[in-house]
C-alpha atoms as a PDB file:
ATOM      1  CA  VAL A   1       1.121 114.782  68.526  1.00  0.00           C
ATOM      2  CA  ALA A   2       4.551 114.152  67.485  1.00  0.00           C
ATOM      3  CA  ASP A   3       4.811 110.553  65.774  1.00  0.00           C
ATOM      4  CA  SER A   4       7.624 109.786  69.033  1.00  0.00           C
ATOM      5  CA  ASP A   5       4.770 110.923  71.420  1.00  0.00           C
ATOM      6  CA  ILE A   6       2.562 108.689  69.711  1.00  0.00           C
ATOM      7  CA  ALA A   7       5.214 105.678  70.029  1.00  0.00           C
ATOM      8  CA  ALA A   8       6.244 106.069  73.362  1.00  0.00           C
ATOM      9  CA  LYS A   9       2.745 106.059  74.552  1.00  0.00           C
ATOM     10  CA  ALA A  10       2.005 102.891  72.056  1.00  0.00           C
ATOM     11  CA  ALA A  11       4.699 101.367  73.241  1.00  0.00           C
ATOM     12  CA  ARG A  12       3.495 102.140  77.478  1.00  0.00           C
ATOM     13  CA  ALA A  13       0.115 100.617  76.366  1.00  0.00           C
ATOM     14  CA  ALA A  14       0.828  97.975  74.355  1.00  0.00           C
ATOM     15  CA  PRO A  15       0.679  93.887  75.678  1.00  0.00           C
ATOM     16  CA  ILE A  16       4.159  92.252  76.153  1.00  0.00           C
ATOM     17  CA  VAL A  17       4.284  88.641  75.387  1.00  0.00           C
ATOM     18  CA  TRP A  18       7.269  86.779  76.993  1.00  0.00           C
ATOM     19  CA  LEU A  19       9.231  84.730  74.689  1.00  0.00           C
ATOM     20  CA  LEU A  20      10.946  81.727  76.764  1.00  0.00           C
ATOM     21  CA  GLY A  21      12.847  79.012  75.544  1.00  0.00           C
ATOM     22  CA  LYS A  22      16.053  77.346  74.439  1.00  0.00           C
ATOM     23  CA  VAL A  23      18.053  78.707  71.267  1.00  0.00           C
ATOM     24  CA  GLN A  24      16.722  77.735  68.191  1.00  0.00           C
ATOM     25  CA  SER A  25      13.555  76.786  69.862  1.00  0.00           C
ATOM     26  CA  GLY A  26      11.562  78.721  67.332  1.00  0.00           C
ATOM     27  CA  LYS A  27      10.744  82.053  69.068  1.00  0.00           C
ATOM     28  CA  SER A  28      11.288  83.919  66.108  1.00  0.00           C
ATOM     29  CA  SER A  29       9.483  81.748  63.579  1.00  0.00           C
ATOM     30  CA  ILE A  30       6.180  82.273  65.892  1.00  0.00           C
ATOM     31  CA  VAL A  31       6.925  85.915  66.042  1.00  0.00           C
ATOM     32  CA  ARG A  32       6.929  85.891  62.373  1.00  0.00           C
ATOM     33  CA  ALA A  33       3.418  83.740  62.043  1.00  0.00           C
ATOM     34  CA  LEU A  34       1.741  86.048  64.495  1.00  0.00           C
ATOM     35  CA  THR A  35       2.435  88.929  63.187  1.00  0.00           C
ATOM     36  CA  GLY A  36       2.669  88.446  59.379  1.00  0.00           C
ATOM     37  CA  ALA A  37       6.144  90.347  59.589  1.00  0.00           C
ATOM     38  CA  THR A  38       8.993  89.171  57.447  1.00  0.00           C
ATOM     39  CA  GLU A  39      12.190  87.452  58.537  1.00  0.00           C
ATOM     40  CA  ALA A  40      13.984  90.573  57.601  1.00  0.00           C
ATOM     41  CA  GLU A  41      11.996  93.049  59.614  1.00  0.00           C
ATOM     42  CA  ILE A  42      11.908  90.562  62.420  1.00  0.00           C
ATOM     43  CA  GLY A  43      15.909  90.061  61.999  1.00  0.00           C
ATOM     44  CA  SER A  44      16.395  94.042  62.167  1.00  0.00           C
ATOM     45  CA  GLY A  45      13.329  94.950  64.545  1.00  0.00           C
ATOM     46  CA  PHE A  46      14.145  93.465  67.548  1.00  0.00           C
ATOM     47  CA  LYS A  47      16.120  95.984  69.993  1.00  0.00           C
ATOM     48  CA  ALA A  48      18.066  95.537  73.199  1.00  0.00           C
ATOM     49  CA  CYS A  49      16.888  96.033  76.396  1.00  0.00           C
ATOM     50  CA  THR A  50      19.181  94.757  78.329  1.00  0.00           C
ATOM     51  CA  ALA A  51      22.820  93.156  77.657  1.00  0.00           C
ATOM     52  CA  THR A  52      20.861  90.471  76.619  1.00  0.00           C
ATOM     53  CA  ALA A  53      17.261  91.056  76.326  1.00  0.00           C
ATOM     54  CA  ARG A  54      15.500  91.939  73.166  1.00  0.00           C
ATOM     55  CA  VAL A  55      12.409  93.657  72.691  1.00  0.00           C
ATOM     56  CA  PHE A  56      10.170  93.662  69.086  1.00  0.00           C
ATOM     57  CA  ASP A  57       7.208  96.076  68.585  1.00  0.00           C
ATOM     58  CA  PHE A  58       4.903  95.486  66.133  1.00  0.00           C
ATOM     59  CA  PRO A  59       4.776  97.756  64.178  1.00  0.00           C
ATOM     60  CA  ALA A  60       7.636  99.539  65.230  1.00  0.00           C
ATOM     61  CA  ASP A  61       5.888 102.756  65.105  1.00  0.00           C
ATOM     62  CA  ALA A  62       2.880 102.482  66.917  1.00  0.00           C
ATOM     63  CA  PRO A  63       3.132  98.587  68.771  1.00  0.00           C
ATOM     64  CA  ALA A  64      -0.158  97.112  69.132  1.00  0.00           C
ATOM     65  CA  ILE A  65       1.949  93.851  70.769  1.00  0.00           C
ATOM     66  CA  ARG A  66       5.558  93.623  71.841  1.00  0.00           C
ATOM     67  CA  PHE A  67       7.612  90.396  72.051  1.00  0.00           C
ATOM     68  CA  LEU A  68      10.125  90.031  75.029  1.00  0.00           C
ATOM     69  CA  ASP A  69      12.909  87.840  73.869  1.00  0.00           C
ATOM     70  CA  THR A  70      15.491  86.729  76.397  1.00  0.00           C
ATOM     71  CA  ARG A  71      18.419  84.673  75.616  1.00  0.00           C
ATOM     72  CA  GLY A  72      18.398  81.469  75.041  1.00  0.00           C
ATOM     73  CA  LEU A  73      18.035  79.242  78.142  1.00  0.00           C
ATOM     74  CA  ALA A  74      20.881  77.168  79.112  1.00  0.00           C
ATOM     75  CA  GLU A  75      23.383  78.378  77.194  1.00  0.00           C
ATOM     76  CA  ALA A  76      26.789  78.482  78.801  1.00  0.00           C
ATOM     77  CA  GLY A  77      27.743  81.099  80.918  1.00  0.00           C
ATOM     78  CA  TYR A  78      24.319  83.343  80.661  1.00  0.00           C
ATOM     79  CA  ASP A  79      22.786  84.312  84.068  1.00  0.00           C
ATOM     80  CA  PRO A  80      18.979  85.260  83.176  1.00  0.00           C
ATOM     81  CA  ALA A  81      18.601  86.539  86.387  1.00  0.00           C
ATOM     82  CA  ALA A  82      18.874  89.869  85.193  1.00  0.00           C
ATOM     83  CA  ASP A  83      16.567  89.303  82.068  1.00  0.00           C
ATOM     84  CA  ILE A  84      14.084  87.669  84.311  1.00  0.00           C
ATOM     85  CA  ALA A  85      13.729  90.590  86.595  1.00  0.00           C
ATOM     86  CA  VAL A  86      13.260  93.144  83.582  1.00  0.00           C
ATOM     87  CA  ALA A  87      10.399  90.632  82.159  1.00  0.00           C
ATOM     88  CA  GLU A  88       8.510  90.315  85.148  1.00  0.00           C
ATOM     89  CA  GLN A  89       8.149  93.902  85.660  1.00  0.00           C
ATOM     90  CA  HIS A  90       6.814  94.257  82.523  1.00  0.00           C
ATOM     91  CA  ALA A  91       5.332  90.832  80.358  1.00  0.00           C
ATOM     92  CA  HIS A  92       1.365  90.292  80.561  1.00  0.00           C
ATOM     93  CA  LEU A  93       2.205  86.563  79.660  1.00  0.00           C
ATOM     94  CA  ILE A  94       4.121  83.856  79.027  1.00  0.00           C
ATOM     95  CA  LEU A  95       4.859  82.416  75.707  1.00  0.00           C
ATOM     96  CA  VAL A  96       6.815  79.328  76.182  1.00  0.00           C
ATOM     97  CA  VAL A  97       8.804  77.691  73.245  1.00  0.00           C
ATOM     98  CA  MET A  98      10.013  74.092  73.242  1.00  0.00           C
ATOM     99  CA  LYS A  99      10.932  71.998  70.483  1.00  0.00           C
ATOM    100  CA  ALA A 100       8.680  68.720  70.955  1.00  0.00           C
ATOM    101  CA  ALA A 101      11.588  66.607  70.472  1.00  0.00           C
ATOM    102  CA  ASP A 102      13.674  68.272  73.235  1.00  0.00           C
ATOM    103  CA  VAL A 103      13.047  66.848  76.801  1.00  0.00           C
ATOM    104  CA  ALA A 104      16.259  68.444  78.240  1.00  0.00           C
ATOM    105  CA  GLN A 105      14.118  71.309  79.390  1.00  0.00           C
ATOM    106  CA  GLY A 106      15.404  71.908  83.204  1.00  0.00           C
ATOM    107  CA  ALA A 107      16.451  75.214  82.513  1.00  0.00           C
ATOM    108  CA  VAL A 108      13.037  76.695  81.118  1.00  0.00           C
ATOM    109  CA  LEU A 109      11.171  75.004  83.574  1.00  0.00           C
ATOM    110  CA  ASP A 110      13.345  76.222  86.517  1.00  0.00           C
ATOM    111  CA  VAL A 111      12.709  79.790  85.206  1.00  0.00           C
ATOM    112  CA  VAL A 112       8.705  79.069  84.779  1.00  0.00           C
ATOM    113  CA  ARG A 113       8.470  77.815  88.115  1.00  0.00           C
ATOM    114  CA  ALA A 114       9.790  80.882  89.758  1.00  0.00           C
ATOM    115  CA  ALA A 115       7.883  83.280  87.629  1.00  0.00           C
ATOM    116  CA  ARG A 116       4.328  81.132  88.769  1.00  0.00           C
ATOM    117  CA  ALA A 117       6.008  81.287  92.066  1.00  0.00           C
ATOM    118  CA  ARG A 118       5.843  85.280  91.912  1.00  0.00           C
ATOM    119  CA  HIS A 119       3.105  85.731  89.983  1.00  0.00           C
ATOM    120  CA  PRO A 120       0.981  82.598  89.836  1.00  0.00           C
ATOM    121  CA  GLU A 121      -2.200  84.450  88.194  1.00  0.00           C
ATOM    122  CA  TRP A 122       0.144  84.863  84.900  1.00  0.00           C
ATOM    123  CA  PRO A 123      -0.869  82.988  81.786  1.00  0.00           C
ATOM    124  CA  VAL A 124       1.317  80.402  80.382  1.00  0.00           C
ATOM    125  CA  ILE A 125       1.012  79.057  76.956  1.00  0.00           C
ATOM    126  CA  VAL A 126       3.273  76.149  75.919  1.00  0.00           C
ATOM    127  CA  ALA A 127       4.252  76.229  72.148  1.00  0.00           C
ATOM    128  CA  GLN A 128       5.743  72.766  71.500  1.00  0.00           C
ATOM    129  CA  THR A 129       7.908  73.193  68.431  1.00  0.00           C
ATOM    130  CA  CYS A 130       9.312  71.228  65.161  1.00  0.00           C
ATOM    131  CA  LEU A 131       6.672  68.539  65.622  1.00  0.00           C
ATOM    132  CA  HIS A 132       8.305  67.283  61.994  1.00  0.00           C
ATOM    133  CA  GLU A 133      11.810  66.376  63.617  1.00  0.00           C
ATOM    134  CA  ALA A 134      10.199  63.478  65.673  1.00  0.00           C
ATOM    135  CA  TYR A 135       7.901  62.417  62.169  1.00  0.00           C
ATOM    136  CA  PRO A 136       9.417  58.717  60.577  1.00  0.00           C
ATOM    137  CA  ALA A 137      11.181  59.456  57.316  1.00  0.00           C
ATOM    138  CA  GLY A 138       8.706  60.676  54.838  1.00  0.00           C
ATOM    139  CA  ALA A 139       5.747  61.240  56.979  1.00  0.00           C
ATOM    140  CA  GLY A 140       3.859  64.763  56.710  1.00  0.00           C
ATOM    141  CA  HIS A 141       1.526  66.296  58.991  1.00  0.00           C
ATOM    142  CA  ALA A 142      -1.344  64.431  60.122  1.00  0.00           C
ATOM    143  CA  LEU A 143      -4.502  66.668  58.431  1.00  0.00           C
ATOM    144  CA  PRO A 144      -6.941  68.072  59.484  1.00  0.00           C
ATOM    145  CA  TYR A 145      -4.640  69.514  62.639  1.00  0.00           C
ATOM    146  CA  ALA A 146      -4.444  66.627  65.019  1.00  0.00           C
ATOM    147  CA  PHE A 147      -5.009  68.177  68.251  1.00  0.00           C
ATOM    148  CA  ASP A 148      -7.835  69.557  70.499  1.00  0.00           C
ATOM    149  CA  ASP A 149      -8.304  72.897  72.248  1.00  0.00           C
ATOM    150  CA  ALA A 150      -6.438  71.550  75.456  1.00  0.00           C
ATOM    151  CA  GLY A 151      -3.160  70.480  72.983  1.00  0.00           C
ATOM    152  CA  MET A 152      -3.993  66.350  73.713  1.00  0.00           C
ATOM    153  CA  PRO A 153      -3.757  64.492  70.119  1.00  0.00           C
ATOM    154  CA  ALA A 154      -6.783  64.185  68.535  1.00  0.00           C
ATOM    155  CA  ALA A 155      -5.548  61.476  66.178  1.00  0.00           C
ATOM    156  CA  ASP A 156      -2.866  58.810  66.353  1.00  0.00           C
ATOM    157  CA  LEU A 157       0.777  60.301  66.555  1.00  0.00           C
ATOM    158  CA  PRO A 158       4.536  59.066  66.030  1.00  0.00           C
ATOM    159  CA  GLY A 159       5.280  56.554  69.378  1.00  0.00           C
ATOM    160  CA  ASP A 160       8.520  59.394  69.981  1.00  0.00           C
ATOM    161  CA  LEU A 161       6.302  62.421  69.219  1.00  0.00           C
ATOM    162  CA  ALA A 162       3.561  61.400  71.854  1.00  0.00           C
ATOM    163  CA  ARG A 163       5.836  60.300  73.855  1.00  0.00           C
ATOM    164  CA  THR A 164       7.884  63.793  74.596  1.00  0.00           C
ATOM    165  CA  LEU A 165       4.989  65.645  74.142  1.00  0.00           C
ATOM    166  CA  ALA A 166       3.062  63.986  77.058  1.00  0.00           C
ATOM    167  CA  TRP A 167       6.535  64.525  78.749  1.00  0.00           C
ATOM    168  CA  GLN A 168       6.578  68.183  78.444  1.00  0.00           C
ATOM    169  CA  ARG A 169       3.184  68.499  79.106  1.00  0.00           C
ATOM    170  CA  ALA A 170       3.222  66.422  82.447  1.00  0.00           C
ATOM    171  CA  HIS A 171       6.410  68.428  83.791  1.00  0.00           C
ATOM    172  CA  CYS A 172       4.723  71.905  82.759  1.00  0.00           C
ATOM    173  CA  ALA A 173       1.331  70.879  84.573  1.00  0.00           C
ATOM    174  CA  ALA A 174       3.520  70.371  87.369  1.00  0.00           C
ATOM    175  CA  LEU A 175       4.117  73.815  87.368  1.00  0.00           C
ATOM    176  CA  PRO A 176       2.861  76.081  90.572  1.00  0.00           C
ATOM    177  CA  GLY A 177       0.232  78.637  89.834  1.00  0.00           C
ATOM    178  CA  ALA A 178      -3.428  79.379  89.311  1.00  0.00           C
ATOM    179  CA  GLY A 179      -3.042  81.275  85.824  1.00  0.00           C
ATOM    180  CA  PRO A 180      -4.563  79.332  82.910  1.00  0.00           C
ATOM    181  CA  MET A 181      -1.881  77.407  80.953  1.00  0.00           C
ATOM    182  CA  ARG A 182      -2.377  75.788  77.378  1.00  0.00           C
ATOM    183  CA  PHE A 183      -0.618  73.884  75.449  1.00  0.00           C
ATOM    184  CA  VAL A 184      -0.486  73.857  71.504  1.00  0.00           C
ATOM    185  CA  PRO A 185       1.597  71.638  69.432  1.00  0.00           C
ATOM    186  CA  LEU A 186       3.196  73.049  66.467  1.00  0.00           C
ATOM    187  CA  ASP A 187       5.287  73.122  63.311  1.00  0.00           C
ATOM    188  CA  PHE A 188       6.351  76.162  61.359  1.00  0.00           C
ATOM    189  CA  THR A 189       8.413  75.345  58.426  1.00  0.00           C
ATOM    190  CA  GLY A 190       9.453  77.032  55.307  1.00  0.00           C
ATOM    191  CA  GLU A 191       8.096  76.316  51.699  1.00  0.00           C
ATOM    192  CA  ALA A 192      11.457  74.604  50.737  1.00  0.00           C
ATOM    193  CA  ASP A 193      11.043  72.187  53.499  1.00  0.00           C
ATOM    194  CA  GLY A 194       7.916  70.132  51.942  1.00  0.00           C
ATOM    195  CA  PHE A 195       5.753  70.009  55.036  1.00  0.00           C
ATOM    196  CA  GLU A 196       1.653  71.361  54.389  1.00  0.00           C
ATOM    197  CA  PRO A 197       0.542  73.282  55.530  1.00  0.00           C
ATOM    198  CA  SER A 198       3.673  75.319  56.667  1.00  0.00           C
ATOM    199  CA  LEU A 199       2.105  77.114  59.710  1.00  0.00           C
ATOM    200  CA  TYR A 200       0.321  74.127  61.186  1.00  0.00           C
ATOM    201  CA  GLY A 201      -1.062  75.191  64.413  1.00  0.00           C
ATOM    202  CA  LEU A 202      -1.017  78.946  63.719  1.00  0.00           C
ATOM    203  CA  ASP A 203      -4.700  79.043  64.448  1.00  0.00           C
ATOM    204  CA  ALA A 204      -4.386  76.934  67.385  1.00  0.00           C
ATOM    205  CA  LEU A 205      -1.919  79.076  69.116  1.00  0.00           C
ATOM    206  CA  ARG A 206      -4.019  82.412  68.348  1.00  0.00           C
ATOM    207  CA  ALA A 207      -6.983  80.899  69.389  1.00  0.00           C
ATOM    208  CA  ALA A 208      -5.124  79.950  72.829  1.00  0.00           C
ATOM    209  CA  LEU A 209      -3.337  83.297  73.351  1.00  0.00           C
ATOM    210  CA  VAL A 210      -6.689  84.824  72.546  1.00  0.00           C
ATOM    211  CA  ASP A 211      -8.521  82.613  75.003  1.00  0.00           C
ATOM    212  CA  VAL A 212      -6.189  83.507  78.177  1.00  0.00           C
ATOM    213  CA  ALA A 213      -4.591  86.503  77.305  1.00  0.00           C
ATOM    214  CA  PRO A 214      -5.410  90.379  78.063  1.00  0.00           C
ATOM    215  CA  ALA A 215      -8.151  91.668  76.023  1.00  0.00           C
ATOM    216  CA  ALA A 216      -5.348  93.964  74.302  1.00  0.00           C
ATOM    217  CA  ILE A 217      -3.083  90.969  73.181  1.00  0.00           C
ATOM    218  CA  ALA A 218      -6.708  89.384  71.324  1.00  0.00           C
ATOM    219  CA  GLY A 219      -6.904  92.795  69.679  1.00  0.00           C
ATOM    220  CA  ALA A 220      -3.377  93.182  68.252  1.00  0.00           C
ATOM    221  CA  LEU A 221      -3.812  89.735  67.063  1.00  0.00           C
ATOM    222  CA  ALA A 222      -7.003  90.190  65.548  1.00  0.00           C
ATOM    223  CA  GLY A 223      -6.710  89.750  62.004  1.00  0.00           C
ATOM    224  CA  GLY A 224      -3.232  88.788  61.781  1.00  0.00           C
ATOM    225  CA  ASP A 225      -3.025  86.267  59.624  1.00  0.00           C
ATOM    226  CA  ALA A 226       0.317  85.550  57.780  1.00  0.00           C
ATOM    227  CA  THR A 227      -2.191  84.525  54.595  1.00  0.00           C
ATOM    228  CA  GLY A 228      -3.813  87.151  54.385  1.00  0.00           C
ATOM    229  CA  SER A 229      -3.218  90.842  52.241  1.00  0.00           C
ATOM    230  CA  ALA A 230      -0.045  92.421  53.575  1.00  0.00           C
ATOM    231  CA  ARG A 231      -1.564  95.815  53.048  1.00  0.00           C
ATOM    232  CA  GLY A 232      -4.596  94.797  55.125  1.00  0.00           C
ATOM    233  CA  ARG A 233      -2.315  93.344  57.988  1.00  0.00           C
ATOM    234  CA  ARG A 234       0.037  96.437  58.329  1.00  0.00           C
ATOM    235  CA  ALA A 235      -3.544  98.793  58.294  1.00  0.00           C
ATOM    236  CA  HIS A 236      -5.091  96.677  60.710  1.00  0.00           C
ATOM    237  CA  GLN A 237      -1.756  96.904  62.852  1.00  0.00           C
ATOM    238  CA  HIS A 238      -1.263 100.625  62.676  1.00  0.00           C
ATOM    239  CA  ILE A 239      -4.971 101.490  63.506  1.00  0.00           C
ATOM    240  CA  LEU A 240      -4.642  99.298  66.884  1.00  0.00           C
ATOM    241  CA  GLY A 241      -1.374 100.905  67.792  1.00  0.00           C
ATOM    242  CA  TYR A 242      -2.604 104.533  66.967  1.00  0.00           C
ATOM    243  CA  ALA A 243      -5.652 104.016  69.136  1.00  0.00           C
ATOM    244  CA  ALA A 244      -4.021 102.348  72.212  1.00  0.00           C
ATOM    245  CA  ALA A 245      -1.627 105.662  71.885  1.00  0.00           C
ATOM    246  CA  ALA A 246      -5.180 107.712  71.750  1.00  0.00           C
END
């Protein structure tokens, strides 16, 4: 079978995660952390599927998982209706990405509300990102990871951070739909930012996705630890992609 045929079959079988959030909310950082792909690979790997929506296949030649990224919501002049229609036709799960310190999430909540009204069974993961932006000066991450399986604080948090996380949880929890919803506070930073670990909450995010997602997503994420062997990660993902095609 030609490689192009294998790639097409794998793409049809691969689970699709719909990334939904405002500009600079941390969507690309999440893709990088989950897949272990480099920033350059992600930057060149997204391909247009509508005028304003992109898809990232991982791995590219026979994807085991696909990330559908719609344009940042709340941008001036952007009508998300066409992108939402495409996402609703193909997605298996919504991964909502909200900066933890940002309570101006009306545009994001409106889209999720409409999607869950039509697809009440869809799982939703709410990734609450960039926690450090609400830390007091000089503070670092609370260790060990400061949240339980439901995303609730298991340790004392700075007041502003605790309030905005609670605000986001309350507004998301009020959305329609009976499908599972999970909240995962996290903070993915670069080494130069000085926060350790740099992938704070990655294990919790992966666990939440595996818990609520279709089995194919669980398989695609297995062994995808960004701190492991690059060669091992790539071999594992290629095996999954070709197995899906078969």
